[in-house]
């Protein structure tokens, strides 16, 4: 499993806690410096490359334990007086040919994971709709067969909330591009679509 699959949630979740933590025993003149330092660490945890995030996590003595359906992240307070644990619901799911560690969108501490493949399919679906219904050509579709264009067009019929979830990265963890394009009979009614694709 790629290290980024666990590195992203492990880095994102503690960032908010680190940013907002100040030692209770600190003198007033040191509190401002402590706040600034913590905000810098939190910002770096959320924006740095994955290898740099790993170094920050080691420096801050943040530990992660991957369990069957969750990741438990432990971090110590600045004065090392207490240990804070964050539990993130997660599961392993097969996406394309890889096993990915996926985070459901209900975890408030975690930024959604955008699925570029699904987003590209949505864009291509609306381009295919323009081509087939309005004869508006798109060079990105020039190599596709009529049959595949028909598969793409069905994606453009998805409910607006499903399209929105895909674009926001909050779709169900097991919704993949393959599952979406191979769904032979996407229903036209939105409640049935939600049920078929795991939104209901």
N, C-alpha and C. Protein backbone atom coordinates (compact mmCIF):
# COMPACT_ATOMS: atom_id res chain seq x y z
N UNK A 1 0.85 -1.18 0.00
CA UNK A 1 0.00 0.00 0.00
C UNK A 1 0.89 1.24 0.00
N UNK A 2 0.63 2.23 -0.88
CA UNK A 2 1.47 3.42 -0.92
C UNK A 2 1.46 4.16 0.40
N UNK A 3 2.61 4.72 0.80
CA UNK A 3 2.69 5.40 2.09
C UNK A 3 1.77 6.60 2.15
N UNK A 4 1.47 7.22 1.02
CA UNK A 4 0.57 8.36 0.99
C UNK A 4 -0.82 8.02 1.47
N UNK A 5 -1.22 6.75 1.35
CA UNK A 5 -2.56 6.36 1.75
C UNK A 5 -2.76 6.50 3.26
N UNK A 6 -1.72 6.23 4.04
CA UNK A 6 -1.83 6.44 5.48
C UNK A 6 -1.28 7.80 5.89
N UNK A 7 -0.31 8.30 5.13
CA UNK A 7 0.33 9.57 5.48
C UNK A 7 -0.61 10.75 5.47
N UNK A 8 -1.55 10.77 4.52
CA UNK A 8 -2.45 11.91 4.42
C UNK A 8 -3.35 12.05 5.65
N UNK A 9 -4.10 10.99 6.04
CA UNK A 9 -4.93 11.14 7.24
C UNK A 9 -4.13 11.36 8.51
N UNK A 10 -2.97 10.70 8.61
CA UNK A 10 -2.16 10.85 9.82
C UNK A 10 -1.64 12.27 9.95
N UNK A 11 -1.36 12.93 8.84
CA UNK A 11 -0.89 14.31 8.89
C UNK A 11 -2.04 15.29 9.07
N UNK A 12 -3.15 15.07 8.39
CA UNK A 12 -4.26 16.04 8.43
C UNK A 12 -4.95 16.10 9.78
N UNK A 13 -5.22 14.94 10.38
CA UNK A 13 -6.01 14.92 11.61
C UNK A 13 -5.38 15.67 12.78
N UNK A 14 -4.07 15.47 13.08
CA UNK A 14 -3.51 16.17 14.23
C UNK A 14 -3.22 17.66 13.97
N UNK A 15 -3.28 18.09 12.73
CA UNK A 15 -2.91 19.48 12.41
C UNK A 15 -3.76 20.47 13.20
N UNK A 16 -5.08 20.23 13.26
CA UNK A 16 -5.97 21.15 13.99
C UNK A 16 -5.66 21.18 15.48
N UNK A 17 -5.35 20.01 16.04
CA UNK A 17 -5.06 19.94 17.48
C UNK A 17 -3.75 20.66 17.78
N UNK A 18 -2.73 20.40 16.97
CA UNK A 18 -1.43 21.06 17.19
C UNK A 18 -1.59 22.58 17.09
N UNK A 19 -2.34 23.03 16.07
CA UNK A 19 -2.50 24.47 15.85
C UNK A 19 -3.13 25.15 17.07
N UNK A 20 -4.08 24.47 17.72
CA UNK A 20 -4.84 25.10 18.80
C UNK A 20 -4.33 24.77 20.20
N UNK A 21 -3.20 24.06 20.32
CA UNK A 21 -2.69 23.64 21.63
C UNK A 21 -1.63 24.61 22.14
N UNK A 22 -1.82 25.04 23.39
CA UNK A 22 -0.84 25.89 24.07
C UNK A 22 -0.63 25.31 25.46
N UNK A 23 0.59 25.27 25.90
CA UNK A 23 0.89 24.74 27.23
C UNK A 23 0.28 25.63 28.30
N UNK A 24 -0.45 25.03 29.23
CA UNK A 24 -1.10 25.80 30.30
C UNK A 24 -0.09 26.42 31.24
N UNK A 25 1.10 25.83 31.35
CA UNK A 25 2.10 26.34 32.28
C UNK A 25 3.01 27.40 31.65
N UNK A 26 2.80 27.71 30.39
CA UNK A 26 3.67 28.67 29.72
C UNK A 26 3.46 30.08 30.25
N UNK A 27 4.55 30.85 30.29
CA UNK A 27 4.45 32.24 30.70
C UNK A 27 3.78 33.03 29.58
N UNK A 28 3.14 34.13 29.95
CA UNK A 28 2.35 34.91 29.00
C UNK A 28 3.16 35.35 27.78
N UNK A 29 4.41 35.75 27.99
CA UNK A 29 5.22 36.23 26.86
C UNK A 29 5.64 35.10 25.92
N UNK A 30 5.56 33.83 26.39
CA UNK A 30 5.94 32.71 25.53
C UNK A 30 4.74 32.13 24.76
N UNK A 31 3.53 32.45 25.22
CA UNK A 31 2.34 31.87 24.60
C UNK A 31 2.23 32.28 23.13
N UNK A 32 2.48 33.56 22.83
CA UNK A 32 2.38 34.03 21.46
C UNK A 32 3.36 33.29 20.54
N UNK A 33 4.59 33.08 21.02
CA UNK A 33 5.57 32.34 20.23
C UNK A 33 5.14 30.89 20.03
N UNK A 34 4.56 30.31 21.07
CA UNK A 34 4.11 28.93 21.00
C UNK A 34 2.97 28.79 19.97
N UNK A 35 2.04 29.72 20.01
CA UNK A 35 0.92 29.71 19.05
C UNK A 35 1.44 29.81 17.63
N UNK A 36 2.37 30.73 17.38
CA UNK A 36 2.93 30.91 16.04
C UNK A 36 3.65 29.65 15.56
N UNK A 37 4.42 29.03 16.46
CA UNK A 37 5.15 27.81 16.11
C UNK A 37 4.19 26.67 15.79
N UNK A 38 3.14 26.52 16.58
CA UNK A 38 2.17 25.46 16.36
C UNK A 38 1.40 25.66 15.06
N UNK A 39 1.07 26.91 14.77
CA UNK A 39 0.37 27.19 13.51
C UNK A 39 1.25 26.86 12.31
N UNK A 40 2.55 27.13 12.43
CA UNK A 40 3.48 26.81 11.35
C UNK A 40 3.56 25.30 11.14
N UNK A 41 3.64 24.54 12.24
CA UNK A 41 3.68 23.07 12.14
C UNK A 41 2.39 22.55 11.50
N UNK A 42 1.25 23.06 11.95
CA UNK A 42 -0.04 22.62 11.41
C UNK A 42 -0.13 22.92 9.92
N UNK A 43 0.32 24.11 9.52
CA UNK A 43 0.28 24.49 8.11
C UNK A 43 1.16 23.55 7.28
N UNK A 44 2.36 23.25 7.78
CA UNK A 44 3.27 22.36 7.06
C UNK A 44 2.70 20.94 6.97
N UNK A 45 2.03 20.48 8.03
CA UNK A 45 1.42 19.15 7.99
C UNK A 45 0.35 19.05 6.91
N UNK A 46 -0.35 20.14 6.65
CA UNK A 46 -1.43 20.11 5.68
C UNK A 46 -0.97 20.39 4.25
N UNK A 47 0.18 21.01 4.08
CA UNK A 47 0.57 21.43 2.73
C UNK A 47 1.86 20.80 2.20
N UNK A 48 2.66 20.21 3.05
CA UNK A 48 3.97 19.69 2.62
C UNK A 48 3.83 18.42 1.79
N UNK A 49 4.92 18.09 1.10
CA UNK A 49 5.00 16.81 0.38
C UNK A 49 4.99 15.68 1.41
N UNK A 50 4.58 14.49 0.98
CA UNK A 50 4.38 13.38 1.91
C UNK A 50 5.65 13.01 2.67
N UNK A 51 6.82 13.06 2.03
CA UNK A 51 8.05 12.71 2.75
C UNK A 51 8.36 13.74 3.83
N UNK A 52 8.05 15.02 3.58
CA UNK A 52 8.29 16.06 4.59
C UNK A 52 7.29 15.92 5.74
N UNK A 53 6.05 15.54 5.41
CA UNK A 53 5.05 15.30 6.47
C UNK A 53 5.54 14.21 7.41
N UNK A 54 6.14 13.16 6.84
CA UNK A 54 6.66 12.07 7.66
C UNK A 54 7.71 12.55 8.64
N UNK A 55 8.59 13.43 8.18
CA UNK A 55 9.63 13.97 9.06
C UNK A 55 9.01 14.81 10.18
N UNK A 56 8.00 15.61 9.83
CA UNK A 56 7.33 16.44 10.85
C UNK A 56 6.66 15.55 11.89
N UNK A 57 6.00 14.50 11.43
CA UNK A 57 5.33 13.58 12.35
C UNK A 57 6.33 12.93 13.30
N UNK A 58 7.50 12.55 12.80
CA UNK A 58 8.53 11.97 13.66
C UNK A 58 9.05 13.00 14.65
N UNK A 59 9.30 14.22 14.17
CA UNK A 59 9.80 15.29 15.05
C UNK A 59 8.81 15.60 16.17
N UNK A 60 7.52 15.54 15.86
CA UNK A 60 6.48 15.85 16.85
C UNK A 60 6.08 14.63 17.68
N UNK A 61 6.73 13.49 17.43
CA UNK A 61 6.45 12.24 18.16
C UNK A 61 4.99 11.82 18.02
N UNK A 62 4.47 11.97 16.81
CA UNK A 62 3.10 11.54 16.52
C UNK A 62 3.17 10.11 16.00
N UNK A 63 2.36 9.24 16.60
CA UNK A 63 2.37 7.83 16.22
C UNK A 63 1.01 7.45 15.65
N UNK A 64 1.02 6.54 14.68
CA UNK A 64 -0.22 6.06 14.07
C UNK A 64 -0.24 4.54 14.10
N UNK A 65 -1.36 4.01 14.50
CA UNK A 65 -1.54 2.56 14.52
C UNK A 65 -2.68 2.23 13.56
N UNK A 66 -2.36 1.50 12.49
CA UNK A 66 -3.36 1.12 11.49
C UNK A 66 -4.05 -0.15 11.97
N UNK A 67 -5.36 -0.07 12.17
CA UNK A 67 -6.15 -1.22 12.58
C UNK A 67 -7.07 -1.61 11.43
N UNK A 68 -7.90 -2.62 11.66
CA UNK A 68 -8.72 -3.16 10.56
C UNK A 68 -9.65 -2.11 9.96
N UNK A 69 -10.34 -1.34 10.79
CA UNK A 69 -11.30 -0.37 10.26
C UNK A 69 -11.08 1.04 10.77
N UNK A 70 -9.90 1.30 11.30
CA UNK A 70 -9.60 2.66 11.75
C UNK A 70 -8.10 2.88 11.90
N UNK A 71 -7.74 4.16 11.96
CA UNK A 71 -6.37 4.54 12.26
C UNK A 71 -6.42 5.30 13.58
N UNK A 72 -5.59 4.90 14.54
CA UNK A 72 -5.52 5.59 15.83
C UNK A 72 -4.23 6.41 15.85
N UNK A 73 -4.37 7.72 16.01
CA UNK A 73 -3.23 8.63 16.00
C UNK A 73 -3.02 9.13 17.41
N UNK A 74 -1.80 9.02 17.92
CA UNK A 74 -1.47 9.47 19.28
C UNK A 74 -0.47 10.61 19.20
N UNK A 75 -0.74 11.68 19.95
CA UNK A 75 0.22 12.77 20.04
C UNK A 75 0.27 13.29 21.46
N UNK A 76 1.46 13.73 21.87
CA UNK A 76 1.66 14.23 23.23
C UNK A 76 1.54 15.73 23.23
N UNK A 77 1.06 16.28 24.35
CA UNK A 77 0.97 17.73 24.50
C UNK A 77 2.37 18.32 24.59
N UNK A 78 2.46 19.64 24.45
CA UNK A 78 3.76 20.32 24.44
C UNK A 78 4.55 20.05 25.72
N UNK A 79 3.86 20.07 26.86
CA UNK A 79 4.57 19.84 28.13
C UNK A 79 4.63 18.35 28.48
N UNK A 80 4.17 17.48 27.55
CA UNK A 80 4.19 16.03 27.69
C UNK A 80 3.42 15.53 28.91
N UNK A 81 2.42 16.33 29.34
CA UNK A 81 1.63 15.93 30.51
C UNK A 81 0.49 14.99 30.15
N UNK A 82 0.05 15.01 28.90
CA UNK A 82 -1.06 14.12 28.53
C UNK A 82 -0.91 13.66 27.09
N UNK A 83 -1.57 12.54 26.80
CA UNK A 83 -1.55 11.94 25.48
C UNK A 83 -2.94 12.13 24.86
N UNK A 84 -3.01 12.60 23.61
CA UNK A 84 -4.28 12.77 22.92
C UNK A 84 -4.36 11.72 21.82
N UNK A 85 -5.53 11.08 21.71
CA UNK A 85 -5.73 10.09 20.66
C UNK A 85 -6.84 10.54 19.74
N UNK A 86 -6.63 10.35 18.44
CA UNK A 86 -7.64 10.64 17.43
C UNK A 86 -7.90 9.32 16.71
N UNK A 87 -9.17 8.93 16.61
CA UNK A 87 -9.54 7.73 15.87
C UNK A 87 -10.23 8.14 14.58
N UNK A 88 -9.76 7.60 13.47
CA UNK A 88 -10.32 7.90 12.16
C UNK A 88 -10.87 6.62 11.57
N UNK A 89 -12.17 6.61 11.29
CA UNK A 89 -12.75 5.45 10.62
C UNK A 89 -12.18 5.36 9.22
N UNK A 90 -11.76 4.19 8.83
CA UNK A 90 -11.16 4.00 7.51
C UNK A 90 -11.24 2.53 7.16
N UNK A 91 -11.09 2.25 5.87
CA UNK A 91 -11.06 0.84 5.47
C UNK A 91 -10.24 0.69 4.20
N UNK A 92 -9.81 -0.52 3.98
CA UNK A 92 -9.09 -0.84 2.74
C UNK A 92 -10.12 -1.13 1.66
N UNK A 93 -9.95 -0.53 0.50
CA UNK A 93 -10.85 -0.77 -0.62
C UNK A 93 -10.02 -0.87 -1.89
N UNK A 94 -10.45 -1.72 -2.81
CA UNK A 94 -9.73 -1.88 -4.06
C UNK A 94 -10.20 -0.80 -5.03
N UNK A 95 -9.25 -0.01 -5.52
CA UNK A 95 -9.53 1.00 -6.53
C UNK A 95 -8.60 0.75 -7.70
N UNK A 96 -9.19 0.49 -8.85
CA UNK A 96 -8.44 0.03 -10.02
C UNK A 96 -7.71 -1.24 -9.64
N UNK A 97 -6.40 -1.29 -9.81
CA UNK A 97 -5.67 -2.51 -9.48
C UNK A 97 -4.94 -2.40 -8.15
N UNK A 98 -5.16 -1.28 -7.42
CA UNK A 98 -4.44 -1.06 -6.17
C UNK A 98 -5.36 -1.16 -4.97
N UNK A 99 -4.78 -1.56 -3.85
CA UNK A 99 -5.48 -1.54 -2.59
C UNK A 99 -5.22 -0.19 -1.94
N UNK A 100 -6.30 0.56 -1.66
CA UNK A 100 -6.16 1.92 -1.13
C UNK A 100 -6.78 1.99 0.26
N UNK A 101 -6.18 2.81 1.09
CA UNK A 101 -6.69 3.07 2.41
C UNK A 101 -7.65 4.25 2.28
N UNK A 102 -8.93 4.04 2.47
CA UNK A 102 -9.91 5.07 2.17
C UNK A 102 -10.59 5.59 3.42
N UNK A 103 -10.86 6.89 3.40
CA UNK A 103 -11.46 7.59 4.52
C UNK A 103 -12.87 8.01 4.15
N UNK A 104 -13.90 7.54 4.87
CA UNK A 104 -15.25 8.01 4.58
C UNK A 104 -15.37 9.52 4.81
N UNK A 105 -16.27 10.21 4.09
CA UNK A 105 -16.38 11.65 4.19
C UNK A 105 -16.91 12.16 5.52
N UNK A 106 -17.32 11.27 6.44
CA UNK A 106 -17.86 11.72 7.71
C UNK A 106 -16.79 12.14 8.71
N UNK A 107 -15.52 11.90 8.41
CA UNK A 107 -14.45 12.30 9.32
C UNK A 107 -14.17 13.79 9.17
N UNK A 108 -14.59 14.59 10.15
CA UNK A 108 -14.47 16.04 10.05
C UNK A 108 -13.01 16.51 10.07
N UNK A 109 -12.11 15.72 10.67
CA UNK A 109 -10.71 16.13 10.75
C UNK A 109 -9.93 15.93 9.46
N UNK A 110 -10.53 15.24 8.48
CA UNK A 110 -9.79 14.85 7.29
C UNK A 110 -10.34 15.58 6.07
N UNK A 111 -9.43 16.10 5.26
CA UNK A 111 -9.83 16.69 3.99
C UNK A 111 -10.26 15.57 3.06
N UNK A 112 -11.30 15.81 2.22
CA UNK A 112 -11.71 14.76 1.30
C UNK A 112 -10.60 14.41 0.31
N UNK A 113 -10.60 13.15 -0.12
CA UNK A 113 -9.62 12.70 -1.11
C UNK A 113 -10.25 12.78 -2.49
N UNK A 114 -9.80 13.69 -3.31
CA UNK A 114 -10.35 13.85 -4.64
C UNK A 114 -9.94 12.67 -5.51
N UNK A 115 -10.90 12.15 -6.26
CA UNK A 115 -10.64 11.05 -7.17
C UNK A 115 -10.63 11.64 -8.58
N UNK A 116 -9.43 11.90 -9.09
CA UNK A 116 -9.27 12.57 -10.38
C UNK A 116 -9.88 11.76 -11.51
N UNK A 117 -9.81 10.44 -11.41
CA UNK A 117 -10.39 9.58 -12.45
C UNK A 117 -11.89 9.79 -12.54
N UNK A 118 -12.57 9.81 -11.38
CA UNK A 118 -14.02 10.03 -11.38
C UNK A 118 -14.36 11.44 -11.90
N UNK A 119 -13.57 12.43 -11.47
CA UNK A 119 -13.83 13.79 -11.92
C UNK A 119 -13.66 13.92 -13.43
N UNK A 120 -12.65 13.25 -13.97
CA UNK A 120 -12.42 13.27 -15.42
C UNK A 120 -13.58 12.60 -16.15
N UNK A 121 -14.09 11.50 -15.59
CA UNK A 121 -15.24 10.82 -16.20
C UNK A 121 -16.47 11.74 -16.25
N UNK A 122 -16.69 12.50 -15.19
CA UNK A 122 -17.83 13.42 -15.17
C UNK A 122 -17.68 14.47 -16.26
N UNK A 123 -16.47 15.04 -16.37
CA UNK A 123 -16.23 16.05 -17.41
C UNK A 123 -16.42 15.44 -18.80
N UNK A 124 -15.89 14.23 -19.01
CA UNK A 124 -16.03 13.58 -20.30
C UNK A 124 -17.50 13.23 -20.59
N UNK A 125 -18.26 12.91 -19.54
CA UNK A 125 -19.67 12.56 -19.71
C UNK A 125 -20.46 13.74 -20.28
N UNK A 126 -20.20 14.92 -19.75
CA UNK A 126 -20.92 16.09 -20.26
C UNK A 126 -20.44 16.48 -21.66
N UNK A 127 -19.16 16.24 -21.94
CA UNK A 127 -18.64 16.47 -23.29
C UNK A 127 -19.27 15.48 -24.27
N UNK A 128 -19.43 14.22 -23.86
CA UNK A 128 -20.07 13.21 -24.71
C UNK A 128 -21.53 13.55 -24.95
N UNK A 129 -22.19 14.07 -23.94
CA UNK A 129 -23.58 14.50 -24.09
C UNK A 129 -23.68 15.62 -25.13
N UNK A 130 -22.77 16.59 -25.06
CA UNK A 130 -22.76 17.67 -26.05
C UNK A 130 -22.52 17.12 -27.46
N UNK A 131 -21.62 16.14 -27.56
CA UNK A 131 -21.30 15.57 -28.87
C UNK A 131 -22.50 14.81 -29.45
N UNK A 132 -23.10 13.95 -28.65
CA UNK A 132 -24.17 13.09 -29.15
C UNK A 132 -25.50 13.82 -29.33
N UNK A 133 -25.79 14.79 -28.48
CA UNK A 133 -27.08 15.47 -28.56
C UNK A 133 -27.04 16.77 -29.36
N UNK A 134 -25.91 17.48 -29.30
CA UNK A 134 -25.84 18.80 -29.92
C UNK A 134 -24.78 18.89 -31.02
N UNK A 135 -24.10 17.75 -31.30
CA UNK A 135 -23.06 17.69 -32.32
C UNK A 135 -21.92 18.70 -32.07
N UNK A 136 -21.61 18.92 -30.78
CA UNK A 136 -20.49 19.79 -30.41
C UNK A 136 -19.30 18.88 -30.15
N UNK A 137 -18.31 18.92 -31.05
CA UNK A 137 -17.18 18.01 -30.93
C UNK A 137 -16.20 18.47 -29.86
N UNK A 138 -15.47 17.49 -29.34
CA UNK A 138 -14.46 17.75 -28.32
C UNK A 138 -13.26 16.87 -28.63
N UNK A 139 -12.07 17.48 -28.83
CA UNK A 139 -10.90 16.67 -29.19
C UNK A 139 -10.57 15.59 -28.17
N UNK A 140 -10.95 15.78 -26.93
CA UNK A 140 -10.65 14.78 -25.90
C UNK A 140 -11.41 13.48 -26.12
N UNK A 141 -12.47 13.53 -26.93
CA UNK A 141 -13.30 12.35 -27.16
C UNK A 141 -13.06 11.72 -28.54
N UNK A 142 -12.14 12.25 -29.31
CA UNK A 142 -11.99 11.84 -30.70
C UNK A 142 -11.61 10.37 -30.88
N UNK A 143 -10.95 9.77 -29.90
CA UNK A 143 -10.50 8.38 -30.03
C UNK A 143 -11.50 7.37 -29.45
N UNK A 144 -12.60 7.83 -28.92
CA UNK A 144 -13.55 6.93 -28.26
C UNK A 144 -14.58 6.38 -29.25
N UNK A 145 -14.94 5.12 -29.03
CA UNK A 145 -15.96 4.48 -29.87
C UNK A 145 -17.34 5.02 -29.49
N UNK A 146 -18.29 4.81 -30.41
CA UNK A 146 -19.68 5.24 -30.18
C UNK A 146 -20.24 4.53 -28.92
N UNK A 147 -19.85 3.27 -28.75
CA UNK A 147 -20.33 2.49 -27.58
C UNK A 147 -19.84 3.11 -26.27
N UNK A 148 -18.53 3.46 -26.23
CA UNK A 148 -17.98 4.05 -25.00
C UNK A 148 -18.59 5.43 -24.74
N UNK A 149 -18.83 6.20 -25.81
CA UNK A 149 -19.49 7.50 -25.64
C UNK A 149 -20.88 7.32 -25.01
N UNK A 150 -21.56 6.24 -25.41
CA UNK A 150 -22.86 5.94 -24.80
C UNK A 150 -22.74 5.64 -23.32
N UNK A 151 -21.65 4.92 -22.94
CA UNK A 151 -21.42 4.66 -21.51
C UNK A 151 -21.15 5.96 -20.77
N UNK A 152 -20.37 6.84 -21.39
CA UNK A 152 -20.05 8.12 -20.74
C UNK A 152 -21.29 8.97 -20.55
N UNK A 153 -22.14 9.01 -21.58
CA UNK A 153 -23.33 9.87 -21.52
C UNK A 153 -24.21 9.51 -20.32
N UNK A 154 -24.28 8.22 -19.98
CA UNK A 154 -25.11 7.81 -18.84
C UNK A 154 -24.65 8.47 -17.54
N UNK A 155 -23.36 8.74 -17.44
CA UNK A 155 -22.82 9.38 -16.23
C UNK A 155 -23.36 10.81 -16.11
N UNK A 156 -23.61 11.47 -17.23
CA UNK A 156 -24.14 12.84 -17.18
C UNK A 156 -25.58 12.89 -16.66
N UNK A 157 -26.25 11.75 -16.59
CA UNK A 157 -27.61 11.69 -16.08
C UNK A 157 -27.69 11.49 -14.57
N UNK A 158 -26.54 11.42 -13.93
CA UNK A 158 -26.53 11.20 -12.48
C UNK A 158 -27.16 12.40 -11.74
N UNK A 159 -27.69 12.11 -10.57
CA UNK A 159 -28.30 13.15 -9.72
C UNK A 159 -27.27 14.24 -9.40
N UNK A 160 -27.71 15.49 -9.31
CA UNK A 160 -26.77 16.58 -9.02
C UNK A 160 -25.97 16.38 -7.74
N UNK A 161 -26.58 15.77 -6.71
CA UNK A 161 -25.82 15.56 -5.47
C UNK A 161 -24.74 14.49 -5.65
N UNK A 162 -24.95 13.53 -6.54
CA UNK A 162 -23.92 12.52 -6.82
C UNK A 162 -22.75 13.18 -7.56
N UNK A 163 -23.09 13.97 -8.58
CA UNK A 163 -22.05 14.70 -9.33
C UNK A 163 -21.27 15.61 -8.37
N UNK A 164 -21.99 16.33 -7.50
CA UNK A 164 -21.35 17.22 -6.53
C UNK A 164 -20.42 16.48 -5.59
N UNK A 165 -20.85 15.31 -5.12
CA UNK A 165 -20.02 14.51 -4.22
C UNK A 165 -18.74 14.06 -4.91
N UNK A 166 -18.85 13.67 -6.18
CA UNK A 166 -17.65 13.26 -6.94
C UNK A 166 -16.70 14.44 -7.09
N UNK A 167 -17.23 15.59 -7.41
CA UNK A 167 -16.37 16.76 -7.61
C UNK A 167 -15.74 17.24 -6.29
N UNK A 168 -16.45 17.03 -5.17
CA UNK A 168 -15.92 17.42 -3.85
C UNK A 168 -15.01 16.37 -3.24
N UNK A 169 -15.05 15.15 -3.77
CA UNK A 169 -14.25 14.06 -3.20
C UNK A 169 -14.92 13.37 -2.03
N UNK A 170 -16.25 13.53 -1.90
CA UNK A 170 -16.96 12.92 -0.77
C UNK A 170 -17.82 11.73 -1.20
N UNK A 171 -17.53 11.15 -2.35
CA UNK A 171 -18.26 9.98 -2.83
C UNK A 171 -17.93 8.77 -1.95
N UNK A 172 -18.77 7.71 -1.99
CA UNK A 172 -18.44 6.50 -1.22
C UNK A 172 -17.07 5.98 -1.60
N UNK A 173 -16.38 5.39 -0.62
CA UNK A 173 -15.00 4.98 -0.83
C UNK A 173 -14.85 3.89 -1.89
N UNK A 174 -15.88 3.10 -2.11
CA UNK A 174 -15.75 2.03 -3.10
C UNK A 174 -16.30 2.40 -4.47
N UNK A 175 -16.65 3.66 -4.68
CA UNK A 175 -17.08 4.11 -6.00
C UNK A 175 -15.84 4.43 -6.83
N UNK A 176 -15.61 3.64 -7.87
CA UNK A 176 -14.43 3.81 -8.71
C UNK A 176 -14.87 4.14 -10.13
N UNK A 177 -13.91 4.59 -10.93
CA UNK A 177 -14.20 4.86 -12.33
C UNK A 177 -14.67 3.62 -13.05
N UNK A 178 -14.05 2.49 -12.75
CA UNK A 178 -14.44 1.22 -13.37
C UNK A 178 -15.88 0.86 -13.02
N UNK A 179 -16.23 1.01 -11.74
CA UNK A 179 -17.60 0.68 -11.32
C UNK A 179 -18.60 1.59 -12.03
N UNK A 180 -18.25 2.86 -12.18
CA UNK A 180 -19.16 3.82 -12.78
C UNK A 180 -19.34 3.55 -14.27
N UNK A 181 -18.27 3.28 -14.99
CA UNK A 181 -18.39 3.06 -16.44
C UNK A 181 -18.97 1.68 -16.76
N UNK A 182 -18.80 0.73 -15.86
CA UNK A 182 -19.31 -0.62 -16.12
C UNK A 182 -20.72 -0.85 -15.60
N UNK A 183 -21.31 0.16 -14.97
CA UNK A 183 -22.69 0.03 -14.52
C UNK A 183 -23.58 0.10 -15.76
N UNK A 184 -24.00 -1.08 -16.25
CA UNK A 184 -24.72 -1.17 -17.53
C UNK A 184 -26.07 -0.47 -17.52
N UNK A 185 -26.73 -0.49 -16.41
CA UNK A 185 -28.08 0.08 -16.38
C UNK A 185 -28.19 1.09 -15.25
N UNK A 186 -27.58 2.27 -15.45
CA UNK A 186 -27.75 3.33 -14.45
C UNK A 186 -29.19 3.80 -14.55
N UNK A 187 -29.96 3.67 -13.46
CA UNK A 187 -31.36 4.07 -13.54
C UNK A 187 -31.50 5.58 -13.76
N UNK A 188 -32.62 5.98 -14.34
CA UNK A 188 -32.84 7.40 -14.58
C UNK A 188 -33.35 8.11 -13.32
N UNK A 189 -34.01 7.38 -12.42
CA UNK A 189 -34.52 8.05 -11.21
C UNK A 189 -33.40 8.16 -10.17
N UNK A 190 -33.30 9.32 -9.56
CA UNK A 190 -32.20 9.64 -8.67
C UNK A 190 -32.12 8.77 -7.42
N UNK A 191 -33.25 8.44 -6.76
CA UNK A 191 -33.14 7.56 -5.57
C UNK A 191 -32.51 6.21 -5.91
N UNK A 192 -32.86 5.64 -7.07
CA UNK A 192 -32.28 4.34 -7.46
C UNK A 192 -30.80 4.49 -7.79
N UNK A 193 -30.41 5.63 -8.37
CA UNK A 193 -28.99 5.87 -8.63
C UNK A 193 -28.20 5.90 -7.32
N UNK A 194 -28.75 6.61 -6.32
CA UNK A 194 -28.08 6.71 -5.03
C UNK A 194 -27.90 5.33 -4.39
N UNK A 195 -28.92 4.50 -4.52
CA UNK A 195 -28.86 3.16 -3.96
C UNK A 195 -27.83 2.30 -4.70
N UNK A 196 -27.82 2.36 -6.02
CA UNK A 196 -26.90 1.57 -6.84
C UNK A 196 -25.44 1.94 -6.56
N UNK A 197 -25.16 3.22 -6.39
CA UNK A 197 -23.79 3.69 -6.28
C UNK A 197 -23.32 3.88 -4.83
N UNK A 198 -24.16 3.49 -3.87
CA UNK A 198 -23.73 3.50 -2.47
C UNK A 198 -23.93 4.82 -1.74
N UNK A 199 -24.81 5.69 -2.25
CA UNK A 199 -25.07 6.96 -1.58
C UNK A 199 -26.25 6.87 -0.62
N UNK A 200 -27.02 5.77 -0.69
CA UNK A 200 -28.20 5.66 0.18
C UNK A 200 -28.09 4.46 1.09
